[in-house]
Amino acid sequence: MAAEAYSQHEEAKREQQKLDISRDIQKQFQDISTNIKSQIDEQRLEFEQQIYDDIQSLIEHERQGREFTISTASGNYERLSIFGTI
């Protein structure tokens, strides 16, 4: 009877160790998942900022080109009006 009680105690101890190990593994997977999610979010934000910066640069370049065109056309109009052709 003492041997059976000891055997049951050892079995319960092994089951508890299995549960502890299982919880530890789950915790590690959750930590890994959280870390990966954070990395993905960080990379997504960096990507979005880079795209935003690229679009802003294109818009600024286009705006400057249009301002130059308008300025040039305005200057040409003034020169032509001085000569009385308009």
PDB file of N, CA and C in Angstrom:
ATOM      1  N   MET A   1       0.813  -1.181   0.000  1.00  0.00           N
ATOM      2  CA  MET A   1       0.000   0.000   0.000  1.00  0.00           C
ATOM      3  C   MET A   1       0.873   1.268   0.000  1.00  0.00           C
ATOM      4  N   ALA A   2       1.952   1.277   0.746  1.00  0.00           N
ATOM      5  CA  ALA A   2       2.854   2.412   0.787  1.00  0.00           C
ATOM      6  C   ALA A   2       3.483   2.626  -0.588  1.00  0.00           C
ATOM      7  N   ALA A   3       3.796   1.524  -1.265  1.00  0.00           N
ATOM      8  CA  ALA A   3       4.397   1.620  -2.597  1.00  0.00           C
ATOM      9  C   ALA A   3       3.393   2.224  -3.583  1.00  0.00           C
ATOM     10  N   GLU A   4       2.126   1.841  -3.450  1.00  0.00           N
ATOM     11  CA  GLU A   4       1.104   2.377  -4.346  1.00  0.00           C
ATOM     12  C   GLU A   4       0.885   3.874  -4.073  1.00  0.00           C
ATOM     13  N   ALA A   5       0.887   4.250  -2.813  1.00  0.00           N
ATOM     14  CA  ALA A   5       0.719   5.666  -2.449  1.00  0.00           C
ATOM     15  C   ALA A   5       1.897   6.473  -2.985  1.00  0.00           C
ATOM     16  N   TYR A   6       3.081   5.914  -2.864  1.00  0.00           N
ATOM     17  CA  TYR A   6       4.275   6.590  -3.378  1.00  0.00           C
ATOM     18  C   TYR A   6       4.184   6.713  -4.896  1.00  0.00           C
ATOM     19  N   SER A   7       3.734   5.639  -5.556  1.00  0.00           N
ATOM     20  CA  SER A   7       3.576   5.625  -7.009  1.00  0.00           C
ATOM     21  C   SER A   7       2.567   6.684  -7.444  1.00  0.00           C
ATOM     22  N   GLN A   8       1.460   6.781  -6.738  1.00  0.00           N
ATOM     23  CA  GLN A   8       0.443   7.783  -7.062  1.00  0.00           C
ATOM     24  C   GLN A   8       0.995   9.196  -6.837  1.00  0.00           C
ATOM     25  N   HIS A   9       1.743   9.349  -5.766  1.00  0.00           N
ATOM     26  CA  HIS A   9       2.350  10.651  -5.482  1.00  0.00           C
ATOM     27  C   HIS A   9       3.314  11.049  -6.601  1.00  0.00           C
ATOM     28  N   GLU A  10       4.136  10.108  -7.031  1.00  0.00           N
ATOM     29  CA  GLU A  10       5.089  10.376  -8.116  1.00  0.00           C
ATOM     30  C   GLU A  10       4.356  10.673  -9.421  1.00  0.00           C
ATOM     31  N   GLU A  11       3.269   9.932  -9.670  1.00  0.00           N
ATOM     32  CA  GLU A  11       2.472  10.174 -10.888  1.00  0.00           C
ATOM     33  C   GLU A  11       1.863  11.575 -10.850  1.00  0.00           C
ATOM     34  N   ALA A  12       1.339  11.983  -9.709  1.00  0.00           N
ATOM     35  CA  ALA A  12       0.765  13.323  -9.560  1.00  0.00           C
ATOM     36  C   ALA A  12       1.856  14.379  -9.747  1.00  0.00           C
ATOM     37  N   LYS A  13       3.027  14.092  -9.229  1.00  0.00           N
ATOM     38  CA  LYS A  13       4.155  15.007  -9.368  1.00  0.00           C
ATOM     39  C   LYS A  13       4.546  15.161 -10.839  1.00  0.00           C
ATOM     40  N   ARG A  14       4.578  14.051 -11.589  1.00  0.00           N
ATOM     41  CA  ARG A  14       4.901  14.094 -13.027  1.00  0.00           C
ATOM     42  C   ARG A  14       3.823  14.858 -13.800  1.00  0.00           C
ATOM     43  N   GLU A  15       2.568  14.636 -13.447  1.00  0.00           N
ATOM     44  CA  GLU A  15       1.471  15.348 -14.107  1.00  0.00           C
ATOM     45  C   GLU A  15       1.591  16.854 -13.862  1.00  0.00           C
ATOM     46  N   GLN A  16       1.933  17.226 -12.649  1.00  0.00           N
ATOM     47  CA  GLN A  16       2.113  18.642 -12.338  1.00  0.00           C
ATOM     48  C   GLN A  16       3.280  19.225 -13.126  1.00  0.00           C
ATOM     49  N   GLN A  17       4.355  18.450 -13.245  1.00  0.00           N
ATOM     50  CA  GLN A  17       5.502  18.905 -14.037  1.00  0.00           C
ATOM     51  C   GLN A  17       5.106  19.083 -15.504  1.00  0.00           C
ATOM     52  N   LYS A  18       4.289  18.150 -16.017  1.00  0.00           N
ATOM     53  CA  LYS A  18       3.813  18.271 -17.401  1.00  0.00           C
ATOM     54  C   LYS A  18       2.991  19.551 -17.572  1.00  0.00           C
ATOM     55  N   LEU A  19       2.107  19.805 -16.618  1.00  0.00           N
ATOM     56  CA  LEU A  19       1.293  21.017 -16.680  1.00  0.00           C
ATOM     57  C   LEU A  19       2.158  22.272 -16.622  1.00  0.00           C
ATOM     58  N   ASP A  20       3.151  22.249 -15.730  1.00  0.00           N
ATOM     59  CA  ASP A  20       4.056  23.391 -15.601  1.00  0.00           C
ATOM     60  C   ASP A  20       4.824  23.619 -16.899  1.00  0.00           C
ATOM     61  N   ILE A  21       5.305  22.548 -17.481  1.00  0.00           N
ATOM     62  CA  ILE A  21       6.044  22.652 -18.748  1.00  0.00           C
ATOM     63  C   ILE A  21       5.123  23.148 -19.855  1.00  0.00           C
ATOM     64  N   SER A  22       3.899  22.621 -19.894  1.00  0.00           N
ATOM     65  CA  SER A  22       2.926  23.052 -20.896  1.00  0.00           C
ATOM     66  C   SER A  22       2.623  24.542 -20.755  1.00  0.00           C
ATOM     67  N   ARG A  23       2.426  25.025 -19.550  1.00  0.00           N
ATOM     68  CA  ARG A  23       2.182  26.457 -19.320  1.00  0.00           C
ATOM     69  C   ARG A  23       3.384  27.298 -19.738  1.00  0.00           C
ATOM     70  N   ASP A  24       4.570  26.788 -19.428  1.00  0.00           N
ATOM     71  CA  ASP A  24       5.781  27.504 -19.798  1.00  0.00           C
ATOM     72  C   ASP A  24       5.900  27.610 -21.322  1.00  0.00           C
ATOM     73  N   ILE A  25       5.611  26.528 -22.013  1.00  0.00           N
ATOM     74  CA  ILE A  25       5.664  26.530 -23.480  1.00  0.00           C
ATOM     75  C   ILE A  25       4.627  27.509 -24.045  1.00  0.00           C
ATOM     76  N   GLN A  26       3.418  27.474 -23.490  1.00  0.00           N
ATOM     77  CA  GLN A  26       2.382  28.403 -23.945  1.00  0.00           C
ATOM     78  C   GLN A  26       2.810  29.847 -23.720  1.00  0.00           C
ATOM     79  N   LYS A  27       3.392  30.113 -22.567  1.00  0.00           N
ATOM     80  CA  LYS A  27       3.868  31.472 -22.263  1.00  0.00           C
ATOM     81  C   LYS A  27       4.946  31.896 -23.254  1.00  0.00           C
ATOM     82  N   GLN A  28       5.863  30.981 -23.558  1.00  0.00           N
ATOM     83  CA  GLN A  28       6.916  31.304 -24.519  1.00  0.00           C
ATOM     84  C   GLN A  28       6.326  31.611 -25.896  1.00  0.00           C
ATOM     85  N   PHE A  29       5.339  30.801 -26.330  1.00  0.00           N
ATOM     86  CA  PHE A  29       4.688  31.064 -27.614  1.00  0.00           C
ATOM     87  C   PHE A  29       3.959  32.403 -27.602  1.00  0.00           C
ATOM     88  N   GLN A  30       3.313  32.733 -26.512  1.00  0.00           N
ATOM     89  CA  GLN A  30       2.634  34.027 -26.415  1.00  0.00           C
ATOM     90  C   GLN A  30       3.639  35.172 -26.470  1.00  0.00           C
ATOM     91  N   ASP A  31       4.767  35.002 -25.783  1.00  0.00           N
ATOM     92  CA  ASP A  31       5.810  36.030 -25.819  1.00  0.00           C
ATOM     93  C   ASP A  31       6.368  36.197 -27.234  1.00  0.00           C
ATOM     94  N   ILE A  32       6.602  35.074 -27.893  1.00  0.00           N
ATOM     95  CA  ILE A  32       7.103  35.112 -29.274  1.00  0.00           C
ATOM     96  C   ILE A  32       6.074  35.801 -30.172  1.00  0.00           C
ATOM     97  N   SER A  33       4.813  35.444 -30.007  1.00  0.00           N
ATOM     98  CA  SER A  33       3.740  36.038 -30.803  1.00  0.00           C
ATOM     99  C   SER A  33       3.674  37.552 -30.593  1.00  0.00           C
ATOM    100  N   THR A  34       3.762  37.975 -29.352  1.00  0.00           N
ATOM    101  CA  THR A  34       3.719  39.401 -29.033  1.00  0.00           C
ATOM    102  C   THR A  34       4.915  40.120 -29.649  1.00  0.00           C
ATOM    103  N   ASN A  35       6.076  39.504 -29.569  1.00  0.00           N
ATOM    104  CA  ASN A  35       7.292  40.082 -30.133  1.00  0.00           C
ATOM    105  C   ASN A  35       7.181  40.206 -31.651  1.00  0.00           C
ATOM    106  N   ILE A  36       6.704  39.163 -32.302  1.00  0.00           N
ATOM    107  CA  ILE A  36       6.557  39.190 -33.760  1.00  0.00           C
ATOM    108  C   ILE A  36       5.547  40.262 -34.162  1.00  0.00           C
ATOM    109  N   LYS A  37       4.437  40.336 -33.448  1.00  0.00           N
ATOM    110  CA  LYS A  37       3.425  41.364 -33.746  1.00  0.00           C
ATOM    111  C   LYS A  37       4.018  42.760 -33.610  1.00  0.00           C
ATOM    112  N   SER A  38       4.799  42.980 -32.565  1.00  0.00           N
ATOM    113  CA  SER A  38       5.433  44.288 -32.368  1.00  0.00           C
ATOM    114  C   SER A  38       6.387  44.609 -33.517  1.00  0.00           C
ATOM    115  N   GLN A  39       7.155  43.620 -33.934  1.00  0.00           N
ATOM    116  CA  GLN A  39       8.089  43.830 -35.041  1.00  0.00           C
ATOM    117  C   GLN A  39       7.341  44.143 -36.336  1.00  0.00           C
ATOM    118  N   ILE A  40       6.265  43.417 -36.587  1.00  0.00           N
ATOM    119  CA  ILE A  40       5.470  43.653 -37.795  1.00  0.00           C
ATOM    120  C   ILE A  40       4.867  45.053 -37.756  1.00  0.00           C
ATOM    121  N   ASP A  41       4.317  45.440 -36.617  1.00  0.00           N
ATOM    122  CA  ASP A  41       3.735  46.778 -36.487  1.00  0.00           C
ATOM    123  C   ASP A  41       4.790  47.857 -36.717  1.00  0.00           C
ATOM    124  N   GLU A  42       5.968  47.663 -36.158  1.00  0.00           N
ATOM    125  CA  GLU A  42       7.055  48.632 -36.321  1.00  0.00           C
ATOM    126  C   GLU A  42       7.470  48.739 -37.784  1.00  0.00           C
ATOM    127  N   GLN A  43       7.615  47.599 -38.456  1.00  0.00           N
ATOM    128  CA  GLN A  43       8.001  47.609 -39.865  1.00  0.00           C
ATOM    129  C   GLN A  43       6.898  48.224 -40.725  1.00  0.00           C
ATOM    130  N   ARG A  44       5.633  47.961 -40.388  1.00  0.00           N
ATOM    131  CA  ARG A  44       4.519  48.542 -41.125  1.00  0.00           C
ATOM    132  C   ARG A  44       4.536  50.068 -40.995  1.00  0.00           C
ATOM    133  N   LEU A  45       4.770  50.553 -39.786  1.00  0.00           N
ATOM    134  CA  LEU A  45       4.827  52.002 -39.572  1.00  0.00           C
ATOM    135  C   LEU A  45       5.984  52.634 -40.345  1.00  0.00           C
ATOM    136  N   GLU A  46       7.129  51.974 -40.335  1.00  0.00           N
ATOM    137  CA  GLU A  46       8.276  52.476 -41.090  1.00  0.00           C
ATOM    138  C   GLU A  46       7.965  52.508 -42.587  1.00  0.00           C
ATOM    139  N   PHE A  47       7.324  51.448 -43.073  1.00  0.00           N
ATOM    140  CA  PHE A  47       6.947  51.373 -44.488  1.00  0.00           C
ATOM    141  C   PHE A  47       5.960  52.483 -44.836  1.00  0.00           C
ATOM    142  N   GLU A  48       4.939  52.656 -43.999  1.00  0.00           N
ATOM    143  CA  GLU A  48       3.951  53.703 -44.245  1.00  0.00           C
ATOM    144  C   GLU A  48       4.603  55.081 -44.241  1.00  0.00           C
ATOM    145  N   GLN A  49       5.524  55.324 -43.319  1.00  0.00           N
ATOM    146  CA  GLN A  49       6.201  56.617 -43.262  1.00  0.00           C
ATOM    147  C   GLN A  49       7.038  56.828 -44.511  1.00  0.00           C
ATOM    148  N   GLN A  50       7.720  55.787 -44.967  1.00  0.00           N
ATOM    149  CA  GLN A  50       8.542  55.908 -46.175  1.00  0.00           C
ATOM    150  C   GLN A  50       7.663  56.207 -47.386  1.00  0.00           C
ATOM    151  N   ILE A  51       6.537  55.510 -47.507  1.00  0.00           N
ATOM    152  CA  ILE A  51       5.610  55.756 -48.618  1.00  0.00           C
ATOM    153  C   ILE A  51       5.077  57.184 -48.536  1.00  0.00           C
ATOM    154  N   TYR A  52       4.694  57.600 -47.331  1.00  0.00           N
ATOM    155  CA  TYR A  52       4.187  58.961 -47.135  1.00  0.00           C
ATOM    156  C   TYR A  52       5.244  59.983 -47.546  1.00  0.00           C
ATOM    157  N   ASP A  53       6.485  59.759 -47.101  1.00  0.00           N
ATOM    158  CA  ASP A  53       7.566  60.686 -47.449  1.00  0.00           C
ATOM    159  C   ASP A  53       7.793  60.726 -48.964  1.00  0.00           C
ATOM    160  N   ASP A  54       7.744  59.553 -49.608  1.00  0.00           N
ATOM    161  CA  ASP A  54       7.921  59.495 -51.056  1.00  0.00           C
ATOM    162  C   ASP A  54       6.807  60.260 -51.774  1.00  0.00           C
ATOM    163  N   ILE A  55       5.576  60.079 -51.328  1.00  0.00           N
ATOM    164  CA  ILE A  55       4.441  60.766 -51.948  1.00  0.00           C
ATOM    165  C   ILE A  55       4.564  62.273 -51.725  1.00  0.00           C
ATOM    166  N   GLN A  56       4.921  62.665 -50.497  1.00  0.00           N
ATOM    167  CA  GLN A  56       5.111  64.092 -50.209  1.00  0.00           C
ATOM    168  C   GLN A  56       6.191  64.695 -51.110  1.00  0.00           C
ATOM    169  N   SER A  57       7.264  63.954 -51.326  1.00  0.00           N
ATOM    170  CA  SER A  57       8.349  64.427 -52.185  1.00  0.00           C
ATOM    171  C   SER A  57       7.863  64.590 -53.626  1.00  0.00           C
ATOM    172  N   LEU A  58       7.092  63.622 -54.109  1.00  0.00           N
ATOM    173  CA  LEU A  58       6.550  63.725 -55.462  1.00  0.00           C
ATOM    174  C   LEU A  58       5.603  64.916 -55.591  1.00  0.00           C
ATOM    175  N   ILE A  59       4.770  65.109 -54.593  1.00  0.00           N
ATOM    176  CA  ILE A  59       3.831  66.238 -54.606  1.00  0.00           C
ATOM    177  C   ILE A  59       4.607  67.552 -54.622  1.00  0.00           C
ATOM    178  N   GLU A  60       5.616  67.663 -53.772  1.00  0.00           N
ATOM    179  CA  GLU A  60       6.421  68.892 -53.705  1.00  0.00           C
ATOM    180  C   GLU A  60       7.130  69.145 -55.027  1.00  0.00           C
ATOM    181  N   HIS A  61       7.683  68.102 -55.618  1.00  0.00           N
ATOM    182  CA  HIS A  61       8.364  68.236 -56.908  1.00  0.00           C
ATOM    183  C   HIS A  61       7.379  68.715 -57.975  1.00  0.00           C
ATOM    184  N   GLU A  62       6.208  68.121 -58.014  1.00  0.00           N
ATOM    185  CA  GLU A  62       5.186  68.501 -58.989  1.00  0.00           C
ATOM    186  C   GLU A  62       4.720  69.945 -58.751  1.00  0.00           C
ATOM    187  N   ARG A  63       4.535  70.332 -57.489  1.00  0.00           N
ATOM    188  CA  ARG A  63       4.114  71.686 -57.153  1.00  0.00           C
ATOM    189  C   ARG A  63       5.151  72.705 -57.627  1.00  0.00           C
ATOM    190  N   GLN A  64       6.419  72.404 -57.373  1.00  0.00           N
ATOM    191  CA  GLN A  64       7.477  73.320 -57.809  1.00  0.00           C
ATOM    192  C   GLN A  64       7.512  73.445 -59.332  1.00  0.00           C
ATOM    193  N   GLY A  65       7.297  72.318 -60.005  1.00  0.00           N
ATOM    194  CA  GLY A  65       7.258  72.341 -61.475  1.00  0.00           C
ATOM    195  C   GLY A  65       6.109  73.195 -61.986  1.00  0.00           C
ATOM    196  N   ARG A  66       4.963  73.066 -61.371  1.00  0.00           N
ATOM    197  CA  ARG A  66       3.804  73.864 -61.789  1.00  0.00           C
ATOM    198  C   ARG A  66       4.013  75.342 -61.471  1.00  0.00           C
ATOM    199  N   GLU A  67       4.586  75.637 -60.311  1.00  0.00           N
ATOM    200  CA  GLU A  67       4.866  77.035 -59.974  1.00  0.00           C
ATOM    201  C   GLU A  67       5.840  77.647 -60.973  1.00  0.00           C
ATOM    202  N   PHE A  68       6.837  76.868 -61.376  1.00  0.00           N
ATOM    203  CA  PHE A  68       7.799  77.356 -62.367  1.00  0.00           C
ATOM    204  C   PHE A  68       7.091  77.612 -63.692  1.00  0.00           C
ATOM    205  N   THR A  69       6.243  76.697 -64.103  1.00  0.00           N
ATOM    206  CA  THR A  69       5.502  76.851 -65.363  1.00  0.00           C
ATOM    207  C   THR A  69       4.614  78.088 -65.314  1.00  0.00           C
ATOM    208  N   ILE A  70       3.913  78.264 -64.196  1.00  0.00           N
ATOM    209  CA  ILE A  70       3.038  79.426 -64.049  1.00  0.00           C
ATOM    210  C   ILE A  70       3.867  80.714 -64.058  1.00  0.00           C
ATOM    211  N   SER A  71       4.966  80.712 -63.350  1.00  0.00           N
ATOM    212  CA  SER A  71       5.837  81.885 -63.287  1.00  0.00           C
ATOM    213  C   SER A  71       6.387  82.214 -64.669  1.00  0.00           C
ATOM    214  N   THR A  72       6.826  81.208 -65.386  1.00  0.00           N
ATOM    215  CA  THR A  72       7.365  81.408 -66.734  1.00  0.00           C
ATOM    216  C   THR A  72       6.284  81.938 -67.665  1.00  0.00           C
ATOM    217  N   ALA A  73       5.098  81.345 -67.600  1.00  0.00           N
ATOM    218  CA  ALA A  73       4.003  81.795 -68.463  1.00  0.00           C
ATOM    219  C   ALA A  73       3.606  83.221 -68.122  1.00  0.00           C
ATOM    220  N   SER A  74       3.587  83.546 -66.838  1.00  0.00           N
ATOM    221  CA  SER A  74       3.242  84.903 -66.412  1.00  0.00           C
ATOM    222  C   SER A  74       4.279  85.900 -66.911  1.00  0.00           C
ATOM    223  N   GLY A  75       5.544  85.528 -66.805  1.00  0.00           N
ATOM    224  CA  GLY A  75       6.618  86.399 -67.297  1.00  0.00           C
ATOM    225  C   GLY A  75       6.530  86.590 -68.799  1.00  0.00           C
ATOM    226  N   ASN A  76       6.235  85.528 -69.522  1.00  0.00           N
ATOM    227  CA  ASN A  76       6.090  85.630 -70.974  1.00  0.00           C
ATOM    228  C   ASN A  76       4.896  86.514 -71.327  1.00  0.00           C
ATOM    229  N   TYR A  77       3.806  86.394 -70.588  1.00  0.00           N
ATOM    230  CA  TYR A  77       2.621  87.209 -70.832  1.00  0.00           C
ATOM    231  C   TYR A  77       2.940  88.682 -70.616  1.00  0.00           C
ATOM    232  N   GLU A  78       3.676  88.987 -69.544  1.00  0.00           N
ATOM    233  CA  GLU A  78       4.048  90.369 -69.273  1.00  0.00           C
ATOM    234  C   GLU A  78       4.929  90.939 -70.381  1.00  0.00           C
ATOM    235  N   ARG A  79       5.884  90.138 -70.840  1.00  0.00           N
ATOM    236  CA  ARG A  79       6.767  90.607 -71.915  1.00  0.00           C
ATOM    237  C   ARG A  79       5.986  90.866 -73.187  1.00  0.00           C
ATOM    238  N   LEU A  80       5.052  89.971 -73.476  1.00  0.00           N
ATOM    239  CA  LEU A  80       4.257  90.153 -74.691  1.00  0.00           C
ATOM    240  C   LEU A  80       3.334  91.362 -74.564  1.00  0.00           C
ATOM    241  N   SER A  81       2.793  91.599 -73.382  1.00  0.00           N
ATOM    242  CA  SER A  81       1.889  92.739 -73.207  1.00  0.00           C
ATOM    243  C   SER A  81       2.654  94.050 -73.292  1.00  0.00           C
ATOM    244  N   ILE A  82       3.914  94.052 -72.877  1.00  0.00           N
ATOM    245  CA  ILE A  82       4.750  95.262 -72.976  1.00  0.00           C
ATOM    246  C   ILE A  82       4.938  95.647 -74.433  1.00  0.00           C
ATOM    247  N   PHE A  83       5.106  94.643 -75.261  1.00  0.00           N
ATOM    248  CA  PHE A  83       5.319  94.902 -76.690  1.00  0.00           C
ATOM    249  C   PHE A  83       4.011  95.141 -77.427  1.00  0.00           C
ATOM    250  N   GLY A  84       2.888  95.062 -76.712  1.00  0.00           N
ATOM    251  CA  GLY A  84       1.599  95.400 -77.305  1.00  0.00           C
ATOM    252  C   GLY A  84       1.032  94.343 -78.214  1.00  0.00           C
ATOM    253  N   THR A  85       1.531  93.134 -78.107  1.00  0.00           N
ATOM    254  CA  THR A  85       0.997  92.091 -78.967  1.00  0.00           C
ATOM    255  C   THR A  85      -0.226  91.431 -78.373  1.00  0.00           C
ATOM    256  N   ILE A  86      -0.524  91.738 -77.131  1.00  0.00           N
ATOM    257  CA  ILE A  86      -1.711  91.139 -76.510  1.00  0.00           C
ATOM    258  C   ILE A  86      -2.764  92.202 -76.340  1.00  0.00           C
TER     259      ILE A  86
END
